[in-house]
Amino acid sequence: AVEGNLFMYHLRQLIGQGWVKKRSDGRYELTATGQLYADKLSLKTFALRAQPKIVTLIACQNQNGEWLFYRRKRQPLMGLCGFPYGKVHEGEKIQASAKRELQEKTGLTAELKHRGDGYIWIYQDGGLVSEVLFHLFAGTNPTGTLKKKTPIGTCFWAKAEKMSGPDFIPSGKDLMELMNTQKDHFFVELTYNL
């Protein structure tokens, strides 16, 4: 009886946390939250696997040939500049995410075209500091008023040549080159050591 009581105690805890629910036929099953947890769980180590962030990355150019950059005020890569980006929200379409992130981060809207996808790994001092799966959108004909400063970054326009400096995330230059050389949609894996 002790084992049964202990099982019921733990089952009630899982139900209370929203990971398990009782079906109408009296059986129990994982909720969506429970299934997501199980999807991230390694059955070898019983540890949760860290997954890369999924982001939309926006390479937007204005009528003067300048590119929109974003200096990060948060870790990782705090102080470095790159293209504006943001996480795709759960259940959100990537085109909608790109439009939302451009508006939220910069105050601008633009015509967005999905140009490519890929992974970026950035290492610093021998350790992984950033791992992202990105969807790259090219932005043209931007309109609106640029938000120069926000709590998470500073936006500014600059010529592409500036990307070679030490203040820039190294992937930006490579992504710009891919957009210039690849006419079709591309996929790339990029690794950098800072």
Protein backbone atom coordinates (compact mmCIF):
# COMPACT_ATOMS: atom_id res chain seq x y z
CA ALA A 1 0.00 0.00 0.00
CA VAL A 2 2.92 2.36 0.64
CA GLU A 3 4.11 2.01 -2.93
CA GLY A 4 0.61 2.78 -4.25
CA ASN A 5 0.35 5.85 -2.00
CA LEU A 6 3.76 7.05 -3.14
CA PHE A 7 2.79 6.58 -6.79
CA MET A 8 -0.47 8.50 -6.31
CA TYR A 9 1.40 11.28 -4.50
CA HIS A 10 3.77 11.71 -7.45
CA LEU A 11 0.96 11.43 -9.98
CA ARG A 12 -0.93 14.22 -8.18
CA GLN A 13 2.24 16.34 -8.26
CA LEU A 14 2.56 15.83 -12.04
CA ILE A 15 -1.10 16.71 -12.54
CA GLY A 16 -0.70 19.80 -10.34
CA GLN A 17 2.30 20.95 -12.38
CA GLY A 18 0.28 20.56 -15.58
CA TRP A 19 2.43 17.76 -17.04
CA VAL A 20 -0.13 14.94 -16.84
CA LYS A 21 -3.93 14.89 -17.23
CA LYS A 22 -6.63 12.30 -16.70
CA ARG A 23 -8.54 11.33 -19.82
CA SER A 24 -12.29 10.74 -19.94
CA ASP A 25 -11.68 6.96 -20.07
CA GLY A 26 -9.85 7.12 -16.71
CA ARG A 27 -6.36 6.71 -18.17
CA TYR A 28 -3.59 9.28 -17.75
CA GLU A 29 -1.54 10.96 -20.48
CA LEU A 30 1.04 13.70 -20.87
CA THR A 31 -0.22 17.22 -21.53
CA ALA A 32 1.41 19.36 -24.22
CA THR A 33 3.77 20.70 -21.53
CA GLY A 34 4.65 17.16 -20.49
CA GLN A 35 5.26 16.12 -24.08
CA LEU A 36 7.53 19.12 -24.68
CA TYR A 37 9.51 18.20 -21.56
CA ALA A 38 9.80 14.59 -22.75
CA ASP A 39 10.98 15.79 -26.16
CA LYS A 40 13.89 17.68 -24.54
CA LEU A 41 14.80 14.91 -22.09
CA SER A 42 17.79 12.68 -22.83
CA LEU A 43 16.92 9.09 -21.95
CA LYS A 44 20.63 8.28 -21.57
CA THR A 45 21.50 10.97 -19.02
CA PHE A 46 18.03 12.09 -17.85
CA ALA A 47 19.20 15.66 -18.38
CA LEU A 48 17.35 18.28 -20.40
CA ARG A 49 19.02 18.94 -23.72
CA ALA A 50 19.74 22.56 -24.51
CA GLN A 51 18.47 23.40 -27.97
CA PRO A 52 19.66 26.31 -30.10
CA LYS A 53 17.58 29.47 -30.14
CA ILE A 54 15.43 29.83 -33.23
CA VAL A 55 15.55 33.39 -34.50
CA THR A 56 14.65 35.60 -37.43
CA LEU A 57 17.57 37.71 -38.58
CA ILE A 58 16.85 40.82 -40.63
CA ALA A 59 19.41 42.29 -43.09
CA CYS A 60 17.74 45.57 -44.01
CA GLN A 61 19.18 48.11 -46.44
CA ASN A 62 18.01 51.70 -46.93
CA GLN A 63 17.85 53.86 -50.07
CA ASN A 64 21.38 55.20 -49.37
CA GLY A 65 22.90 51.70 -49.50
CA GLU A 66 23.39 51.61 -45.73
CA TRP A 67 22.61 48.54 -43.62
CA LEU A 68 20.66 48.46 -40.39
CA PHE A 69 22.78 47.28 -37.46
CA TYR A 70 22.03 46.60 -33.84
CA ARG A 71 24.55 46.93 -30.96
CA ARG A 72 23.67 44.43 -28.24
CA LYS A 73 23.19 45.58 -24.63
CA ARG A 74 22.71 42.01 -23.34
CA GLN A 75 24.73 38.83 -23.13
CA PRO A 76 25.78 36.86 -24.99
CA LEU A 77 27.98 39.00 -27.26
CA MET A 78 27.15 42.19 -25.33
CA GLY A 79 28.58 45.28 -27.03
CA LEU A 80 28.92 43.64 -30.44
CA CYS A 81 26.98 44.75 -33.52
CA GLY A 82 25.07 42.69 -36.04
CA PHE A 83 21.80 42.53 -37.87
CA PRO A 84 18.62 42.96 -35.78
CA TYR A 85 17.15 39.63 -34.74
CA GLY A 86 14.78 38.06 -32.28
CA LYS A 87 13.41 34.73 -31.13
CA VAL A 88 10.53 33.11 -32.95
CA HIS A 89 7.64 32.80 -30.50
CA GLU A 90 5.99 29.44 -29.97
CA GLY A 91 3.47 28.79 -32.74
CA GLU A 92 4.49 31.91 -34.69
CA LYS A 93 5.11 31.80 -38.46
CA ILE A 94 8.63 32.94 -39.37
CA GLN A 95 7.51 35.71 -41.74
CA ALA A 96 5.29 37.14 -38.98
CA SER A 97 8.17 36.82 -36.52
CA ALA A 98 10.53 38.74 -38.80
CA LYS A 99 7.99 41.56 -39.24
CA ARG A 100 7.30 41.71 -35.50
CA GLU A 101 10.98 41.66 -34.52
CA LEU A 102 11.90 44.39 -37.02
CA GLN A 103 9.11 46.61 -35.66
CA GLU A 104 9.86 45.87 -31.99
CA LYS A 105 13.64 46.25 -32.20
CA THR A 106 13.88 49.15 -34.65
CA GLY A 107 10.49 50.84 -35.05
CA LEU A 108 10.66 50.16 -38.80
CA THR A 109 8.66 48.14 -41.28
CA ALA A 110 10.07 46.87 -44.58
CA GLU A 111 9.41 44.51 -47.44
CA LEU A 112 10.88 41.22 -46.21
CA LYS A 113 12.05 38.32 -48.35
CA HIS A 114 13.16 35.00 -46.81
CA ARG A 115 16.67 34.51 -48.22
CA GLY A 116 18.20 31.65 -46.27
CA ASP A 117 18.54 29.56 -43.16
CA GLY A 118 21.37 28.14 -41.12
CA TYR A 119 23.13 27.51 -37.86
CA ILE A 120 25.66 29.78 -36.20
CA TRP A 121 27.94 28.62 -33.38
CA ILE A 122 30.12 31.21 -31.64
CA TYR A 123 32.85 30.18 -29.20
CA GLN A 124 34.80 32.38 -26.83
CA ASP A 125 37.67 31.25 -24.62
CA GLY A 126 37.03 27.65 -25.68
CA GLY A 127 33.35 27.61 -24.66
CA LEU A 128 30.16 27.87 -26.67
CA VAL A 129 28.54 31.27 -25.99
CA SER A 130 25.89 31.41 -28.71
CA GLU A 131 24.09 28.78 -30.77
CA VAL A 132 21.25 29.80 -33.07
CA LEU A 133 19.15 28.38 -35.85
CA PHE A 134 18.31 31.40 -37.99
CA HIS A 135 15.93 32.37 -40.76
CA LEU A 136 17.50 35.27 -42.68
CA PHE A 137 15.23 37.91 -44.22
CA ALA A 138 16.37 40.66 -46.55
CA GLY A 139 14.56 43.93 -45.90
CA THR A 140 14.06 46.66 -48.49
CA ASN A 141 12.19 49.98 -48.63
CA PRO A 142 12.18 50.56 -44.84
CA THR A 143 9.65 53.03 -43.48
CA GLY A 144 8.97 54.45 -40.05
CA THR A 145 11.05 56.22 -37.43
CA LEU A 146 14.18 54.38 -36.29
CA LYS A 147 14.27 53.64 -32.56
CA LYS A 148 17.89 54.47 -31.89
CA LYS A 149 18.01 53.17 -28.32
CA THR A 150 16.01 50.50 -26.55
CA PRO A 151 16.72 48.68 -23.26
CA ILE A 152 18.25 45.77 -25.21
CA GLY A 153 20.19 47.50 -27.99
CA THR A 154 21.09 50.51 -30.10
CA CYS A 155 20.13 50.68 -33.80
CA PHE A 156 22.08 52.56 -36.46
CA TRP A 157 22.66 52.70 -40.22
CA ALA A 158 26.16 52.13 -41.66
CA LYS A 159 27.92 51.08 -44.86
CA ALA A 160 28.81 47.40 -45.29
CA GLU A 161 32.55 48.09 -45.09
CA LYS A 162 32.18 48.86 -41.40
CA MET A 163 31.35 45.18 -40.72
CA SER A 164 35.02 44.24 -40.86
CA GLY A 165 35.70 45.94 -37.53
CA PRO A 166 36.18 44.17 -34.20
CA ASP A 167 32.85 45.51 -32.91
CA PHE A 168 30.88 43.31 -35.30
CA ILE A 169 29.64 39.76 -34.91
CA PRO A 170 31.64 37.90 -37.60
CA SER A 171 28.64 36.11 -39.15
CA GLY A 172 27.20 39.36 -40.56
CA LYS A 173 29.89 39.74 -43.21
CA ASP A 174 29.54 36.11 -44.30
CA LEU A 175 25.74 36.35 -44.47
CA MET A 176 25.94 39.53 -46.53
CA GLU A 177 28.28 37.77 -48.96
CA LEU A 178 25.86 34.84 -49.25
CA MET A 179 22.99 37.21 -50.03
CA ASN A 180 25.13 38.81 -52.76
CA THR A 181 26.31 35.55 -54.34
CA GLN A 182 23.32 33.20 -53.87
CA LYS A 183 20.31 33.97 -56.03
CA ASP A 184 18.25 31.17 -54.53
CA HIS A 185 17.42 30.32 -50.95
CA PHE A 186 20.52 29.05 -49.13
CA PHE A 187 21.41 26.98 -46.08
CA VAL A 188 24.72 27.44 -44.23
CA GLU A 189 26.50 26.32 -41.07
CA LEU A 190 28.93 28.89 -39.63
CA THR A 191 31.34 28.52 -36.70
CA TYR A 192 33.41 31.33 -35.17
CA ASN A 193 35.95 31.69 -32.39
CA LEU A 194 36.14 35.16 -30.82
